[in-house]
Amino acid sequence: MKTSLLTLAGVLCAGLLTVNAAEKIQAGPKGGRILEKTMPKAEFFVEKDRTVTIAFYDEKLQIVPVGNQVVTVIANAKSGKTTLALARKDGRLVSQTPLPEGEGYDIVVMIKAREDTKSQNFRFKLDTSTCGGCKRAEYACTCGE
């Protein structure tokens, strides 16, 4: 019986490690967060002035100009829900206003391949502090520390 329980515990631990590995965030070329399962791959990046840049990349992480994608960025800050207006600039989408002040609130990014398609939704906490392990912003941390 003890052997069965130890075997079961080992299998469960291995399964949890696999789940955590699958949830690992991919590094974006600019230092932002790659939003998984988009094609082309989308990177969410917070600039120094707290504006947001959404860039698209091919499978080799080479920049691809914005096509027919429709992107919405929503910040659920303590001050209220804010939808950032995005404009095309140099082949990327850039917010016209900065994110609300503060940290730790939810960011929702909705991406449609085209206007008439269903959106893919991505939700994560905004934390722009620097990770001690990978030296990236916490919202784009790749090491999980």
Protein backbone atom coordinates (compact mmCIF):
# COMPACT_ATOMS: atom_id res chain seq x y z
CA MET A 1 0.00 0.00 0.00
CA LYS A 2 2.84 2.41 0.87
CA THR A 3 4.48 1.72 -2.49
CA SER A 4 1.22 2.52 -4.31
CA LEU A 5 0.82 5.79 -2.44
CA LEU A 6 4.43 6.79 -3.12
CA THR A 7 4.03 5.94 -6.78
CA LEU A 8 0.82 7.96 -6.96
CA ALA A 9 2.50 10.92 -5.22
CA GLY A 10 5.40 10.74 -7.68
CA VAL A 11 3.06 10.70 -10.66
CA LEU A 12 1.11 13.67 -9.30
CA CYS A 13 4.30 15.67 -8.70
CA ALA A 14 5.54 14.91 -12.22
CA GLY A 15 2.17 16.03 -13.58
CA LEU A 16 2.35 19.31 -11.67
CA LEU A 17 5.85 19.97 -13.02
CA THR A 18 4.58 19.36 -16.55
CA VAL A 19 1.68 21.78 -16.00
CA ASN A 20 4.05 24.45 -14.63
CA ALA A 21 6.41 23.99 -17.59
CA ALA A 22 3.47 24.39 -19.98
CA GLU A 23 2.47 27.65 -18.25
CA LYS A 24 5.96 29.14 -18.59
CA ILE A 25 5.89 32.50 -20.32
CA GLN A 26 7.82 32.82 -23.54
CA ALA A 27 10.26 35.72 -23.80
CA GLY A 28 9.42 38.42 -26.29
CA PRO A 29 12.14 40.04 -28.43
CA LYS A 30 11.42 43.46 -26.92
CA GLY A 31 11.33 42.13 -23.34
CA GLY A 32 7.57 41.83 -23.04
CA ARG A 33 5.17 38.95 -22.65
CA ILE A 34 4.43 36.71 -25.64
CA LEU A 35 0.72 35.94 -25.70
CA GLU A 36 0.61 32.21 -26.42
CA LYS A 37 -1.46 30.57 -29.12
CA THR A 38 -1.65 33.59 -31.39
CA MET A 39 -0.40 33.46 -34.95
CA PRO A 40 1.42 35.58 -35.68
CA LYS A 41 2.71 35.66 -32.09
CA ALA A 42 1.76 38.81 -30.20
CA GLU A 43 3.99 40.53 -27.63
CA PHE A 44 2.57 42.78 -24.90
CA PHE A 45 5.13 45.35 -23.74
CA VAL A 46 4.82 48.26 -21.28
CA GLU A 47 7.00 51.22 -22.31
CA LYS A 48 8.78 53.49 -19.79
CA ASP A 49 5.99 56.06 -20.12
CA ARG A 50 3.45 53.26 -19.29
CA THR A 51 2.02 53.18 -22.80
CA VAL A 52 1.52 49.71 -24.25
CA THR A 53 3.00 48.32 -27.46
CA ILE A 54 1.60 45.22 -29.15
CA ALA A 55 3.95 43.77 -31.76
CA PHE A 56 3.50 40.68 -33.92
CA TYR A 57 6.17 38.11 -34.79
CA ASP A 58 6.46 35.06 -37.03
CA GLU A 59 7.54 31.62 -35.74
CA LYS A 60 11.22 32.74 -35.83
CA LEU A 61 10.30 35.84 -33.76
CA GLN A 62 10.93 38.19 -36.67
CA ILE A 63 8.68 41.29 -36.65
CA VAL A 64 5.55 41.12 -38.80
CA PRO A 65 3.59 44.30 -39.53
CA VAL A 66 0.09 44.54 -38.08
CA GLY A 67 -2.39 43.10 -40.54
CA ASN A 68 -6.13 42.73 -40.03
CA GLN A 69 -5.81 41.94 -36.32
CA VAL A 70 -8.17 43.70 -33.96
CA VAL A 71 -6.69 44.18 -30.50
CA THR A 72 -8.30 45.53 -27.35
CA VAL A 73 -6.39 46.20 -24.12
CA ILE A 74 -8.36 46.67 -20.90
CA ALA A 75 -6.86 47.65 -17.54
CA ASN A 76 -9.00 46.75 -14.49
CA ALA A 77 -7.36 49.18 -12.07
CA LYS A 78 -8.67 50.25 -8.65
CA SER A 79 -9.65 53.56 -10.27
CA GLY A 80 -11.94 51.68 -12.66
CA LYS A 81 -11.92 49.83 -15.94
CA THR A 82 -9.98 51.56 -18.74
CA THR A 83 -9.90 50.53 -22.39
CA LEU A 84 -6.75 51.76 -24.11
CA ALA A 85 -7.13 53.15 -27.62
CA LEU A 86 -4.50 51.63 -29.92
CA ALA A 87 -3.04 53.24 -33.04
CA ARG A 88 -0.81 51.77 -35.75
CA LYS A 89 2.76 53.03 -35.59
CA ASP A 90 5.82 51.55 -37.33
CA GLY A 91 4.07 48.22 -37.95
CA ARG A 92 2.96 47.87 -34.31
CA LEU A 93 -0.02 48.89 -32.20
CA VAL A 94 0.70 51.57 -29.60
CA SER A 95 -1.67 52.87 -26.94
CA GLN A 96 -2.51 56.54 -27.22
CA THR A 97 -2.74 56.90 -23.44
CA PRO A 98 -0.72 55.31 -20.63
CA LEU A 99 -1.91 52.58 -18.30
CA PRO A 100 -3.55 53.79 -15.09
CA GLU A 101 -1.23 54.39 -12.14
CA GLY A 102 -0.56 51.56 -9.74
CA GLU A 103 0.38 47.90 -9.93
CA GLY A 104 -1.21 44.52 -9.33
CA TYR A 105 -4.38 45.03 -11.32
CA ASP A 106 -5.64 42.81 -14.13
CA ILE A 107 -4.76 43.40 -17.75
CA VAL A 108 -6.99 41.83 -20.39
CA VAL A 109 -5.79 41.62 -23.99
CA MET A 110 -8.32 40.50 -26.59
CA ILE A 111 -7.01 39.64 -30.04
CA LYS A 112 -9.05 38.84 -33.12
CA ALA A 113 -7.34 37.61 -36.30
CA ARG A 114 -9.96 39.66 -38.21
CA GLU A 115 -12.96 41.78 -37.26
CA ASP A 116 -15.38 38.91 -37.99
CA THR A 117 -13.59 36.23 -35.90
CA LYS A 118 -13.85 35.23 -32.26
CA SER A 119 -11.34 36.87 -29.92
CA GLN A 120 -8.62 35.13 -27.94
CA ASN A 121 -8.50 36.55 -24.43
CA PHE A 122 -5.39 36.83 -22.26
CA ARG A 123 -5.52 37.90 -18.61
CA PHE A 124 -2.59 38.61 -16.27
CA LYS A 125 -1.56 40.88 -13.41
CA LEU A 126 0.36 44.06 -14.17
CA ASP A 127 3.62 44.10 -12.22
CA THR A 128 6.35 46.22 -13.79
CA SER A 129 8.92 45.58 -11.05
CA THR A 130 12.06 43.73 -12.20
CA CYS A 131 12.38 40.00 -11.51
CA GLY A 132 15.56 39.11 -9.63
CA GLY A 133 16.02 35.91 -11.66
CA CYS A 134 15.47 36.73 -15.34
CA LYS A 135 15.78 40.53 -15.00
CA ARG A 136 12.55 41.08 -16.95
CA ALA A 137 9.44 42.91 -15.79
CA GLU A 138 7.40 40.59 -13.55
CA TYR A 139 4.43 40.63 -15.96
CA ALA A 140 6.84 39.06 -18.54
CA CYS A 141 8.92 36.94 -16.13
CA THR A 142 10.18 33.73 -17.74
CA CYS A 143 11.79 32.09 -14.70
CA GLY A 144 8.85 31.93 -12.29
CA GLU A 145 10.76 33.34 -9.29
